[in-house]
Amino acid sequence: MADRGITVETDIQPEVHVTGDEQLLLSLIQNLVSNARKYGRENGHVWVCLRAEQNKVLLVVRDGGIGLGLSMVREIVKLHEGQISAESEPEKGSVFTVLLPNSF
């Protein structure tokens, strides 16, 4: 992200667990963060949040954009019986929210 002057802030709760395919879940996170780097504003800011909420895991990546990796992200979430939503405002950025069950 440094090549575009993008700063990253994280809010990651320790000991968050989700049952699923490790490689697919890593791809999900990498795609969302990569998308934020690629389509986010130069000298902008990306915020990543990961935490457990009740019996689910919440992942939020804010200030991304839309790219080709998002169709794969949607399928990974679907395979893990989760939900994904996206909100986008011109000139303000995007927020991607993923909600996964702790186990499926």
PDB file of N, CA and C in Angstrom:
ATOM      1  N   MET A   1       0.815  -1.180   0.000  1.00  0.00           N
ATOM      2  CA  MET A   1       0.000   0.000   0.000  1.00  0.00           C
ATOM      3  C   MET A   1       0.869   1.257   0.000  1.00  0.00           C
ATOM      4  N   ALA A   2       2.095   1.103   0.486  1.00  0.00           N
ATOM      5  CA  ALA A   2       2.977   2.264   0.578  1.00  0.00           C
ATOM      6  C   ALA A   2       3.268   2.868  -0.793  1.00  0.00           C
ATOM      7  N   ASP A   3       3.256   2.040  -1.840  1.00  0.00           N
ATOM      8  CA  ASP A   3       3.550   2.560  -3.183  1.00  0.00           C
ATOM      9  C   ASP A   3       2.507   3.578  -3.646  1.00  0.00           C
ATOM     10  N   ARG A   4       1.333   3.578  -3.054  1.00  0.00           N
ATOM     11  CA  ARG A   4       0.278   4.540  -3.399  1.00  0.00           C
ATOM     12  C   ARG A   4       0.014   5.520  -2.267  1.00  0.00           C
ATOM     13  N   GLY A   5       0.859   5.463  -1.231  1.00  0.00           N
ATOM     14  CA  GLY A   5       0.693   6.381  -0.109  1.00  0.00           C
ATOM     15  C   GLY A   5      -0.511   6.078   0.752  1.00  0.00           C
ATOM     16  N   ILE A   6      -0.991   4.867   0.699  1.00  0.00           N
ATOM     17  CA  ILE A   6      -2.192   4.483   1.450  1.00  0.00           C
ATOM     18  C   ILE A   6      -1.779   3.986   2.833  1.00  0.00           C
ATOM     19  N   THR A   7      -2.403   4.530   3.854  1.00  0.00           N
ATOM     20  CA  THR A   7      -2.160   4.047   5.208  1.00  0.00           C
ATOM     21  C   THR A   7      -3.230   3.022   5.566  1.00  0.00           C
ATOM     22  N   VAL A   8      -2.836   2.062   6.400  1.00  0.00           N
ATOM     23  CA  VAL A   8      -3.749   0.995   6.799  1.00  0.00           C
ATOM     24  C   VAL A   8      -3.914   1.035   8.315  1.00  0.00           C
ATOM     25  N   GLU A   9      -5.151   1.003   8.756  1.00  0.00           N
ATOM     26  CA  GLU A   9      -5.453   0.916  10.178  1.00  0.00           C
ATOM     27  C   GLU A   9      -6.220  -0.374  10.405  1.00  0.00           C
ATOM     28  N   THR A  10      -5.837  -1.112  11.432  1.00  0.00           N
ATOM     29  CA  THR A  10      -6.513  -2.377  11.711  1.00  0.00           C
ATOM     30  C   THR A  10      -7.114  -2.366  13.112  1.00  0.00           C
ATOM     31  N   ASP A  11      -8.210  -3.064  13.241  1.00  0.00           N
ATOM     32  CA  ASP A  11      -8.871  -3.309  14.518  1.00  0.00           C
ATOM     33  C   ASP A  11      -9.192  -4.803  14.517  1.00  0.00           C
ATOM     34  N   ILE A  12      -8.208  -5.591  14.925  1.00  0.00           N
ATOM     35  CA  ILE A  12      -8.334  -7.056  14.849  1.00  0.00           C
ATOM     36  C   ILE A  12      -8.373  -7.631  16.257  1.00  0.00           C
ATOM     37  N   GLN A  13      -9.486  -8.258  16.557  1.00  0.00           N
ATOM     38  CA  GLN A  13      -9.679  -8.889  17.864  1.00  0.00           C
ATOM     39  C   GLN A  13      -8.866 -10.179  17.902  1.00  0.00           C
ATOM     40  N   PRO A  14      -8.091 -10.404  18.961  1.00  0.00           N
ATOM     41  CA  PRO A  14      -7.329 -11.657  19.054  1.00  0.00           C
ATOM     42  C   PRO A  14      -8.258 -12.857  19.234  1.00  0.00           C
ATOM     43  N   GLU A  15      -7.763 -13.990  18.823  1.00  0.00           N
ATOM     44  CA  GLU A  15      -8.465 -15.264  19.019  1.00  0.00           C
ATOM     45  C   GLU A  15      -9.821 -15.335  18.343  1.00  0.00           C
ATOM     46  N   VAL A  16      -9.937 -14.784  17.142  1.00  0.00           N
ATOM     47  CA  VAL A  16     -11.159 -14.930  16.352  1.00  0.00           C
ATOM     48  C   VAL A  16     -11.016 -16.206  15.540  1.00  0.00           C
ATOM     49  N   HIS A  17     -11.998 -17.078  15.633  1.00  0.00           N
ATOM     50  CA  HIS A  17     -11.940 -18.373  14.939  1.00  0.00           C
ATOM     51  C   HIS A  17     -13.141 -18.540  14.017  1.00  0.00           C
ATOM     52  N   VAL A  18     -12.868 -19.095  12.850  1.00  0.00           N
ATOM     53  CA  VAL A  18     -13.931 -19.462  11.931  1.00  0.00           C
ATOM     54  C   VAL A  18     -13.549 -20.806  11.313  1.00  0.00           C
ATOM     55  N   THR A  19     -14.503 -21.688  11.164  1.00  0.00           N
ATOM     56  CA  THR A  19     -14.267 -22.978  10.543  1.00  0.00           C
ATOM     57  C   THR A  19     -14.505 -22.835   9.057  1.00  0.00           C
ATOM     58  N   GLY A  20     -13.548 -23.273   8.255  1.00  0.00           N
ATOM     59  CA  GLY A  20     -13.704 -23.171   6.810  1.00  0.00           C
ATOM     60  C   GLY A  20     -12.421 -23.539   6.101  1.00  0.00           C
ATOM     61  N   ASP A  21     -12.394 -23.305   4.834  1.00  0.00           N
ATOM     62  CA  ASP A  21     -11.226 -23.589   4.013  1.00  0.00           C
ATOM     63  C   ASP A  21     -10.210 -22.452   4.176  1.00  0.00           C
ATOM     64  N   GLU A  22      -9.075 -22.761   4.772  1.00  0.00           N
ATOM     65  CA  GLU A  22      -8.078 -21.745   5.096  1.00  0.00           C
ATOM     66  C   GLU A  22      -7.619 -20.963   3.866  1.00  0.00           C
ATOM     67  N   GLN A  23      -7.338 -21.646   2.780  1.00  0.00           N
ATOM     68  CA  GLN A  23      -6.866 -20.974   1.563  1.00  0.00           C
ATOM     69  C   GLN A  23      -7.935 -20.053   0.972  1.00  0.00           C
ATOM     70  N   LEU A  24      -9.177 -20.522   0.965  1.00  0.00           N
ATOM     71  CA  LEU A  24     -10.253 -19.681   0.434  1.00  0.00           C
ATOM     72  C   LEU A  24     -10.478 -18.447   1.308  1.00  0.00           C
ATOM     73  N   LEU A  25     -10.420 -18.640   2.613  1.00  0.00           N
ATOM     74  CA  LEU A  25     -10.622 -17.504   3.511  1.00  0.00           C
ATOM     75  C   LEU A  25      -9.474 -16.500   3.390  1.00  0.00           C
ATOM     76  N   LEU A  26      -8.248 -16.995   3.228  1.00  0.00           N
ATOM     77  CA  LEU A  26      -7.114 -16.093   2.990  1.00  0.00           C
ATOM     78  C   LEU A  26      -7.291 -15.339   1.676  1.00  0.00           C
ATOM     79  N   SER A  27      -7.778 -16.031   0.648  1.00  0.00           N
ATOM     80  CA  SER A  27      -8.036 -15.380  -0.644  1.00  0.00           C
ATOM     81  C   SER A  27      -9.090 -14.299  -0.500  1.00  0.00           C
ATOM     82  N   LEU A  28     -10.113 -14.564   0.298  1.00  0.00           N
ATOM     83  CA  LEU A  28     -11.173 -13.583   0.540  1.00  0.00           C
ATOM     84  C   LEU A  28     -10.572 -12.296   1.114  1.00  0.00           C
ATOM     85  N   ILE A  29      -9.764 -12.428   2.165  1.00  0.00           N
ATOM     86  CA  ILE A  29      -9.155 -11.261   2.805  1.00  0.00           C
ATOM     87  C   ILE A  29      -8.183 -10.567   1.860  1.00  0.00           C
ATOM     88  N   GLN A  30      -7.336 -11.356   1.187  1.00  0.00           N
ATOM     89  CA  GLN A  30      -6.357 -10.772   0.262  1.00  0.00           C
ATOM     90  C   GLN A  30      -7.037 -10.014  -0.868  1.00  0.00           C
ATOM     91  N   ASN A  31      -8.119 -10.543  -1.390  1.00  0.00           N
ATOM     92  CA  ASN A  31      -8.827  -9.870  -2.474  1.00  0.00           C
ATOM     93  C   ASN A  31      -9.441  -8.555  -2.024  1.00  0.00           C
ATOM     94  N   LEU A  32     -10.056  -8.544  -0.864  1.00  0.00           N
ATOM     95  CA  LEU A  32     -10.662  -7.304  -0.380  1.00  0.00           C
ATOM     96  C   LEU A  32      -9.605  -6.230  -0.101  1.00  0.00           C
ATOM     97  N   VAL A  33      -8.494  -6.618   0.538  1.00  0.00           N
ATOM     98  CA  VAL A  33      -7.438  -5.653   0.846  1.00  0.00           C
ATOM     99  C   VAL A  33      -6.737  -5.206  -0.435  1.00  0.00           C
ATOM    100  N   SER A  34      -6.485  -6.147  -1.343  1.00  0.00           N
ATOM    101  CA  SER A  34      -5.859  -5.804  -2.626  1.00  0.00           C
ATOM    102  C   SER A  34      -6.743  -4.863  -3.428  1.00  0.00           C
ATOM    103  N   ASN A  35      -8.040  -5.121  -3.397  1.00  0.00           N
ATOM    104  CA  ASN A  35      -9.007  -4.271  -4.086  1.00  0.00           C
ATOM    105  C   ASN A  35      -8.977  -2.852  -3.504  1.00  0.00           C
ATOM    106  N   ALA A  36      -8.884  -2.754  -2.181  1.00  0.00           N
ATOM    107  CA  ALA A  36      -8.814  -1.443  -1.532  1.00  0.00           C
ATOM    108  C   ALA A  36      -7.546  -0.709  -1.948  1.00  0.00           C
ATOM    109  N   ARG A  37      -6.447  -1.428  -2.069  1.00  0.00           N
ATOM    110  CA  ARG A  37      -5.194  -0.822  -2.508  1.00  0.00           C
ATOM    111  C   ARG A  37      -5.280  -0.352  -3.949  1.00  0.00           C
ATOM    112  N   LYS A  38      -5.833  -1.192  -4.790  1.00  0.00           N
ATOM    113  CA  LYS A  38      -5.868  -0.889  -6.223  1.00  0.00           C
ATOM    114  C   LYS A  38      -6.827   0.240  -6.568  1.00  0.00           C
ATOM    115  N   TYR A  39      -7.991   0.237  -5.939  1.00  0.00           N
ATOM    116  CA  TYR A  39      -9.029   1.190  -6.311  1.00  0.00           C
ATOM    117  C   TYR A  39      -9.230   2.322  -5.311  1.00  0.00           C
ATOM    118  N   GLY A  40      -8.585   2.222  -4.154  1.00  0.00           N
ATOM    119  CA  GLY A  40      -8.703   3.289  -3.173  1.00  0.00           C
ATOM    120  C   GLY A  40      -7.959   4.536  -3.641  1.00  0.00           C
ATOM    121  N   ARG A  41      -8.276   5.639  -2.996  1.00  0.00           N
ATOM    122  CA  ARG A  41      -7.645   6.915  -3.359  1.00  0.00           C
ATOM    123  C   ARG A  41      -6.163   6.923  -3.033  1.00  0.00           C
ATOM    124  N   GLU A  42      -5.361   7.482  -3.928  1.00  0.00           N
ATOM    125  CA  GLU A  42      -3.947   7.656  -3.664  1.00  0.00           C
ATOM    126  C   GLU A  42      -3.811   8.540  -2.428  1.00  0.00           C
ATOM    127  N   ASN A  43      -2.838   8.202  -1.574  1.00  0.00           N
ATOM    128  CA  ASN A  43      -2.642   8.885  -0.290  1.00  0.00           C
ATOM    129  C   ASN A  43      -3.883   8.784   0.602  1.00  0.00           C
ATOM    130  N   GLY A  44      -4.670   7.745   0.381  1.00  0.00           N
ATOM    131  CA  GLY A  44      -5.893   7.530   1.145  1.00  0.00           C
ATOM    132  C   GLY A  44      -5.663   6.684   2.381  1.00  0.00           C
ATOM    133  N   HIS A  45      -6.729   6.073   2.832  1.00  0.00           N
ATOM    134  CA  HIS A  45      -6.724   5.330   4.088  1.00  0.00           C
ATOM    135  C   HIS A  45      -7.585   4.077   3.924  1.00  0.00           C
ATOM    136  N   VAL A  46      -7.097   2.948   4.397  1.00  0.00           N
ATOM    137  CA  VAL A  46      -7.861   1.693   4.396  1.00  0.00           C
ATOM    138  C   VAL A  46      -7.981   1.229   5.846  1.00  0.00           C
ATOM    139  N   TRP A  47      -9.185   0.839   6.226  1.00  0.00           N
ATOM    140  CA  TRP A  47      -9.463   0.379   7.570  1.00  0.00           C
ATOM    141  C   TRP A  47      -9.955  -1.068   7.499  1.00  0.00           C
ATOM    142  N   VAL A  48      -9.324  -1.959   8.270  1.00  0.00           N
ATOM    143  CA  VAL A  48      -9.697  -3.381   8.297  1.00  0.00           C
ATOM    144  C   VAL A  48     -10.080  -3.747   9.729  1.00  0.00           C
ATOM    145  N   CYS A  49     -11.267  -4.322   9.872  1.00  0.00           N
ATOM    146  CA  CYS A  49     -11.772  -4.729  11.180  1.00  0.00           C
ATOM    147  C   CYS A  49     -12.131  -6.213  11.127  1.00  0.00           C
ATOM    148  N   LEU A  50     -11.720  -6.957  12.145  1.00  0.00           N
ATOM    149  CA  LEU A  50     -12.065  -8.373  12.255  1.00  0.00           C
ATOM    150  C   LEU A  50     -12.390  -8.645  13.715  1.00  0.00           C
ATOM    151  N   ARG A  51     -13.607  -9.148  13.947  1.00  0.00           N
ATOM    152  CA  ARG A  51     -13.981  -9.453  15.323  1.00  0.00           C
ATOM    153  C   ARG A  51     -15.120 -10.469  15.359  1.00  0.00           C
ATOM    154  N   ALA A  52     -15.246 -11.098  16.526  1.00  0.00           N
ATOM    155  CA  ALA A  52     -16.334 -12.043  16.751  1.00  0.00           C
ATOM    156  C   ALA A  52     -17.530 -11.271  17.293  1.00  0.00           C
ATOM    157  N   GLU A  53     -18.702 -11.596  16.769  1.00  0.00           N
ATOM    158  CA  GLU A  53     -19.942 -10.996  17.248  1.00  0.00           C
ATOM    159  C   GLU A  53     -20.966 -12.109  17.403  1.00  0.00           C
ATOM    160  N   GLN A  54     -21.331 -12.388  18.645  1.00  0.00           N
ATOM    161  CA  GLN A  54     -22.242 -13.473  18.971  1.00  0.00           C
ATOM    162  C   GLN A  54     -21.676 -14.768  18.392  1.00  0.00           C
ATOM    163  N   ASN A  55     -22.362 -15.419  17.463  1.00  0.00           N
ATOM    164  CA  ASN A  55     -21.864 -16.680  16.913  1.00  0.00           C
ATOM    165  C   ASN A  55     -21.367 -16.506  15.480  1.00  0.00           C
ATOM    166  N   LYS A  56     -20.922 -15.281  15.139  1.00  0.00           N
ATOM    167  CA  LYS A  56     -20.445 -15.002  13.791  1.00  0.00           C
ATOM    168  C   LYS A  56     -19.128 -14.236  13.853  1.00  0.00           C
ATOM    169  N   VAL A  57     -18.446 -14.189  12.715  1.00  0.00           N
ATOM    170  CA  VAL A  57     -17.217 -13.417  12.582  1.00  0.00           C
ATOM    171  C   VAL A  57     -17.490 -12.290  11.604  1.00  0.00           C
ATOM    172  N   LEU A  58     -17.124 -11.074  11.993  1.00  0.00           N
ATOM    173  CA  LEU A  58     -17.350  -9.891  11.178  1.00  0.00           C
ATOM    174  C   LEU A  58     -16.020  -9.403  10.614  1.00  0.00           C
ATOM    175  N   LEU A  59     -15.962  -9.233   9.298  1.00  0.00           N
ATOM    176  CA  LEU A  59     -14.797  -8.664   8.611  1.00  0.00           C
ATOM    177  C   LEU A  59     -15.285  -7.454   7.836  1.00  0.00           C
ATOM    178  N   VAL A  60     -14.657  -6.297   8.066  1.00  0.00           N
ATOM    179  CA  VAL A  60     -15.017  -5.079   7.352  1.00  0.00           C
ATOM    180  C   VAL A  60     -13.747  -4.501   6.736  1.00  0.00           C
ATOM    181  N   VAL A  61     -13.800  -4.201   5.434  1.00  0.00           N
ATOM    182  CA  VAL A  61     -12.721  -3.492   4.757  1.00  0.00           C
ATOM    183  C   VAL A  61     -13.339  -2.227   4.182  1.00  0.00           C
ATOM    184  N   ARG A  62     -12.844  -1.087   4.635  1.00  0.00           N
ATOM    185  CA  ARG A  62     -13.413   0.196   4.206  1.00  0.00           C
ATOM    186  C   ARG A  62     -12.436   0.935   3.296  1.00  0.00           C
ATOM    187  N   ASP A  63     -12.971   1.597   2.299  1.00  0.00           N
ATOM    188  CA  ASP A  63     -12.311   2.436   1.300  1.00  0.00           C
ATOM    189  C   ASP A  63     -11.640   1.601   0.225  1.00  0.00           C
ATOM    190  N   GLY A  64     -12.379   0.665  -0.341  1.00  0.00           N
ATOM    191  CA  GLY A  64     -11.922  -0.108  -1.479  1.00  0.00           C
ATOM    192  C   GLY A  64     -12.598   0.386  -2.723  1.00  0.00           C
ATOM    193  N   GLY A  65     -12.867  -0.470  -3.647  1.00  0.00           N
ATOM    194  CA  GLY A  65     -13.543  -0.121  -4.884  1.00  0.00           C
ATOM    195  C   GLY A  65     -14.177  -1.379  -5.428  1.00  0.00           C
ATOM    196  N   ILE A  66     -14.420  -1.420  -6.698  1.00  0.00           N
ATOM    197  CA  ILE A  66     -14.933  -2.654  -7.283  1.00  0.00           C
ATOM    198  C   ILE A  66     -13.925  -3.173  -8.290  1.00  0.00           C
ATOM    199  N   GLY A  67     -13.652  -4.451  -8.235  1.00  0.00           N
ATOM    200  CA  GLY A  67     -12.686  -5.070  -9.124  1.00  0.00           C
ATOM    201  C   GLY A  67     -13.065  -6.510  -9.402  1.00  0.00           C
ATOM    202  N   LEU A  68     -12.264  -7.155 -10.202  1.00  0.00           N
ATOM    203  CA  LEU A  68     -12.576  -8.515 -10.635  1.00  0.00           C
ATOM    204  C   LEU A  68     -12.560  -9.527  -9.502  1.00  0.00           C
ATOM    205  N   GLY A  69     -11.738  -9.305  -8.479  1.00  0.00           N
ATOM    206  CA  GLY A  69     -11.639 -10.259  -7.383  1.00  0.00           C
ATOM    207  C   GLY A  69     -12.893 -10.355  -6.550  1.00  0.00           C
ATOM    208  N   LEU A  70     -13.797  -9.404  -6.691  1.00  0.00           N
ATOM    209  CA  LEU A  70     -14.981  -9.402  -5.832  1.00  0.00           C
ATOM    210  C   LEU A  70     -15.966 -10.509  -6.158  1.00  0.00           C
ATOM    211  N   SER A  71     -16.014 -10.952  -7.389  1.00  0.00           N
ATOM    212  CA  SER A  71     -16.900 -12.080  -7.707  1.00  0.00           C
ATOM    213  C   SER A  71     -16.397 -13.336  -7.014  1.00  0.00           C
ATOM    214  N   MET A  72     -15.069 -13.487  -6.922  1.00  0.00           N
ATOM    215  CA  MET A  72     -14.507 -14.639  -6.220  1.00  0.00           C
ATOM    216  C   MET A  72     -14.788 -14.511  -4.721  1.00  0.00           C
ATOM    217  N   VAL A  73     -14.653 -13.316  -4.182  1.00  0.00           N
ATOM    218  CA  VAL A  73     -14.945 -13.079  -2.770  1.00  0.00           C
ATOM    219  C   VAL A  73     -16.389 -13.477  -2.459  1.00  0.00           C
ATOM    220  N   ARG A  74     -17.314 -13.064  -3.316  1.00  0.00           N
ATOM    221  CA  ARG A  74     -18.732 -13.392  -3.120  1.00  0.00           C
ATOM    222  C   ARG A  74     -18.934 -14.910  -3.076  1.00  0.00           C
ATOM    223  N   GLU A  75     -18.264 -15.638  -3.956  1.00  0.00           N
ATOM    224  CA  GLU A  75     -18.407 -17.103  -3.985  1.00  0.00           C
ATOM    225  C   GLU A  75     -17.811 -17.755  -2.745  1.00  0.00           C
ATOM    226  N   ILE A  76     -16.666 -17.238  -2.283  1.00  0.00           N
ATOM    227  CA  ILE A  76     -16.047 -17.787  -1.072  1.00  0.00           C
ATOM    228  C   ILE A  76     -16.973 -17.588   0.121  1.00  0.00           C
ATOM    229  N   VAL A  77     -17.553 -16.406   0.239  1.00  0.00           N
ATOM    230  CA  VAL A  77     -18.491 -16.131   1.328  1.00  0.00           C
ATOM    231  C   VAL A  77     -19.685 -17.070   1.243  1.00  0.00           C
ATOM    232  N   LYS A  78     -20.204 -17.254   0.048  1.00  0.00           N
ATOM    233  CA  LYS A  78     -21.349 -18.142  -0.158  1.00  0.00           C
ATOM    234  C   LYS A  78     -21.012 -19.585   0.239  1.00  0.00           C
ATOM    235  N   LEU A  79     -19.809 -20.060  -0.133  1.00  0.00           N
ATOM    236  CA  LEU A  79     -19.387 -21.418   0.214  1.00  0.00           C
ATOM    237  C   LEU A  79     -19.287 -21.617   1.731  1.00  0.00           C
ATOM    238  N   HIS A  80     -19.017 -20.541   2.444  1.00  0.00           N
ATOM    239  CA  HIS A  80     -18.903 -20.614   3.890  1.00  0.00           C
ATOM    240  C   HIS A  80     -20.194 -20.198   4.591  1.00  0.00           C
ATOM    241  N   GLU A  81     -21.292 -20.168   3.825  1.00  0.00           N
ATOM    242  CA  GLU A  81     -22.623 -19.863   4.344  1.00  0.00           C
ATOM    243  C   GLU A  81     -22.668 -18.514   5.061  1.00  0.00           C
ATOM    244  N   GLY A  82     -21.943 -17.550   4.497  1.00  0.00           N
ATOM    245  CA  GLY A  82     -21.906 -16.212   5.084  1.00  0.00           C
ATOM    246  C   GLY A  82     -22.670 -15.208   4.246  1.00  0.00           C
ATOM    247  N   GLN A  83     -22.478 -13.947   4.583  1.00  0.00           N
ATOM    248  CA  GLN A  83     -23.130 -12.849   3.874  1.00  0.00           C
ATOM    249  C   GLN A  83     -22.091 -11.773   3.584  1.00  0.00           C
ATOM    250  N   ILE A  84     -22.259 -11.072   2.466  1.00  0.00           N
ATOM    251  CA  ILE A  84     -21.394  -9.955   2.140  1.00  0.00           C
ATOM    252  C   ILE A  84     -22.255  -8.808   1.647  1.00  0.00           C
ATOM    253  N   SER A  85     -21.859  -7.600   2.025  1.00  0.00           N
ATOM    254  CA  SER A  85     -22.554  -6.418   1.522  1.00  0.00           C
ATOM    255  C   SER A  85     -21.509  -5.373   1.164  1.00  0.00           C
ATOM    256  N   ALA A  86     -21.890  -4.489   0.261  1.00  0.00           N
ATOM    257  CA  ALA A  86     -20.995  -3.417  -0.174  1.00  0.00           C
ATOM    258  C   ALA A  86     -21.774  -2.119  -0.244  1.00  0.00           C
ATOM    259  N   GLU A  87     -21.147  -1.060   0.209  1.00  0.00           N
ATOM    260  CA  GLU A  87     -21.709   0.284   0.099  1.00  0.00           C
ATOM    261  C   GLU A  87     -20.631   1.154  -0.518  1.00  0.00           C
ATOM    262  N   SER A  88     -21.008   2.017  -1.441  1.00  0.00           N
ATOM    263  CA  SER A  88     -20.028   2.867  -2.096  1.00  0.00           C
ATOM    264  C   SER A  88     -20.595   4.257  -2.320  1.00  0.00           C
ATOM    265  N   GLU A  89     -19.772   5.254  -2.039  1.00  0.00           N
ATOM    266  CA  GLU A  89     -20.144   6.642  -2.297  1.00  0.00           C
ATOM    267  C   GLU A  89     -19.039   7.273  -3.127  1.00  0.00           C
ATOM    268  N   PRO A  90     -19.378   7.896  -4.256  1.00  0.00           N
ATOM    269  CA  PRO A  90     -18.362   8.561  -5.062  1.00  0.00           C
ATOM    270  C   PRO A  90     -17.566   9.566  -4.217  1.00  0.00           C
ATOM    271  N   GLU A  91     -16.272   9.562  -4.435  1.00  0.00           N
ATOM    272  CA  GLU A  91     -15.350  10.462  -3.752  1.00  0.00           C
ATOM    273  C   GLU A  91     -15.160  10.155  -2.269  1.00  0.00           C
ATOM    274  N   LYS A  92     -15.890   9.182  -1.754  1.00  0.00           N
ATOM    275  CA  LYS A  92     -15.746   8.836  -0.336  1.00  0.00           C
ATOM    276  C   LYS A  92     -15.191   7.433  -0.152  1.00  0.00           C
ATOM    277  N   GLY A  93     -15.369   6.553  -1.129  1.00  0.00           N
ATOM    278  CA  GLY A  93     -14.855   5.196  -1.024  1.00  0.00           C
ATOM    279  C   GLY A  93     -15.945   4.173  -0.817  1.00  0.00           C
ATOM    280  N   SER A  94     -15.507   2.979  -0.460  1.00  0.00           N
ATOM    281  CA  SER A  94     -16.420   1.848  -0.321  1.00  0.00           C
ATOM    282  C   SER A  94     -16.193   1.144   1.001  1.00  0.00           C
ATOM    283  N   VAL A  95     -17.220   0.422   1.428  1.00  0.00           N
ATOM    284  CA  VAL A  95     -17.145  -0.403   2.625  1.00  0.00           C
ATOM    285  C   VAL A  95     -17.653  -1.789   2.261  1.00  0.00           C
ATOM    286  N   PHE A  96     -16.839  -2.798   2.513  1.00  0.00           N
ATOM    287  CA  PHE A  96     -17.229  -4.189   2.281  1.00  0.00           C
ATOM    288  C   PHE A  96     -17.338  -4.868   3.631  1.00  0.00           C
ATOM    289  N   THR A  97     -18.479  -5.490   3.908  1.00  0.00           N
ATOM    290  CA  THR A  97     -18.725  -6.146   5.171  1.00  0.00           C
ATOM    291  C   THR A  97     -19.007  -7.616   4.914  1.00  0.00           C
ATOM    292  N   VAL A  98     -18.262  -8.489   5.591  1.00  0.00           N
ATOM    293  CA  VAL A  98     -18.421  -9.938   5.468  1.00  0.00           C
ATOM    294  C   VAL A  98     -18.825 -10.467   6.836  1.00  0.00           C
ATOM    295  N   LEU A  99     -19.846 -11.284   6.862  1.00  0.00           N
ATOM    296  CA  LEU A  99     -20.311 -11.919   8.089  1.00  0.00           C
ATOM    297  C   LEU A  99     -20.282 -13.427   7.864  1.00  0.00           C
ATOM    298  N   LEU A 100     -19.458 -14.132   8.667  1.00  0.00           N
ATOM    299  CA  LEU A 100     -19.300 -15.584   8.522  1.00  0.00           C
ATOM    300  C   LEU A 100     -19.715 -16.273   9.810  1.00  0.00           C
ATOM    301  N   PRO A 101     -20.349 -17.435   9.705  1.00  0.00           N
ATOM    302  CA  PRO A 101     -20.641 -18.195  10.927  1.00  0.00           C
ATOM    303  C   PRO A 101     -19.341 -18.733  11.508  1.00  0.00           C
ATOM    304  N   ASN A 102     -19.284 -18.894  12.833  1.00  0.00           N
ATOM    305  CA  ASN A 102     -18.094 -19.466  13.459  1.00  0.00           C
ATOM    306  C   ASN A 102     -17.828 -20.870  12.952  1.00  0.00           C
ATOM    307  N   SER A 103     -18.896 -21.591  12.639  1.00  0.00           N
ATOM    308  CA  SER A 103     -18.767 -22.925  12.054  1.00  0.00           C
ATOM    309  C   SER A 103     -19.977 -23.153  11.178  1.00  0.00           C
ATOM    310  N   PHE A 104     -19.812 -23.959  10.159  1.00  0.00           N
ATOM    311  CA  PHE A 104     -20.937 -24.233   9.264  1.00  0.00           C
ATOM    312  C   PHE A 104     -21.001 -25.692   8.957  1.00  0.00           C
TER     313      PHE A 104
END
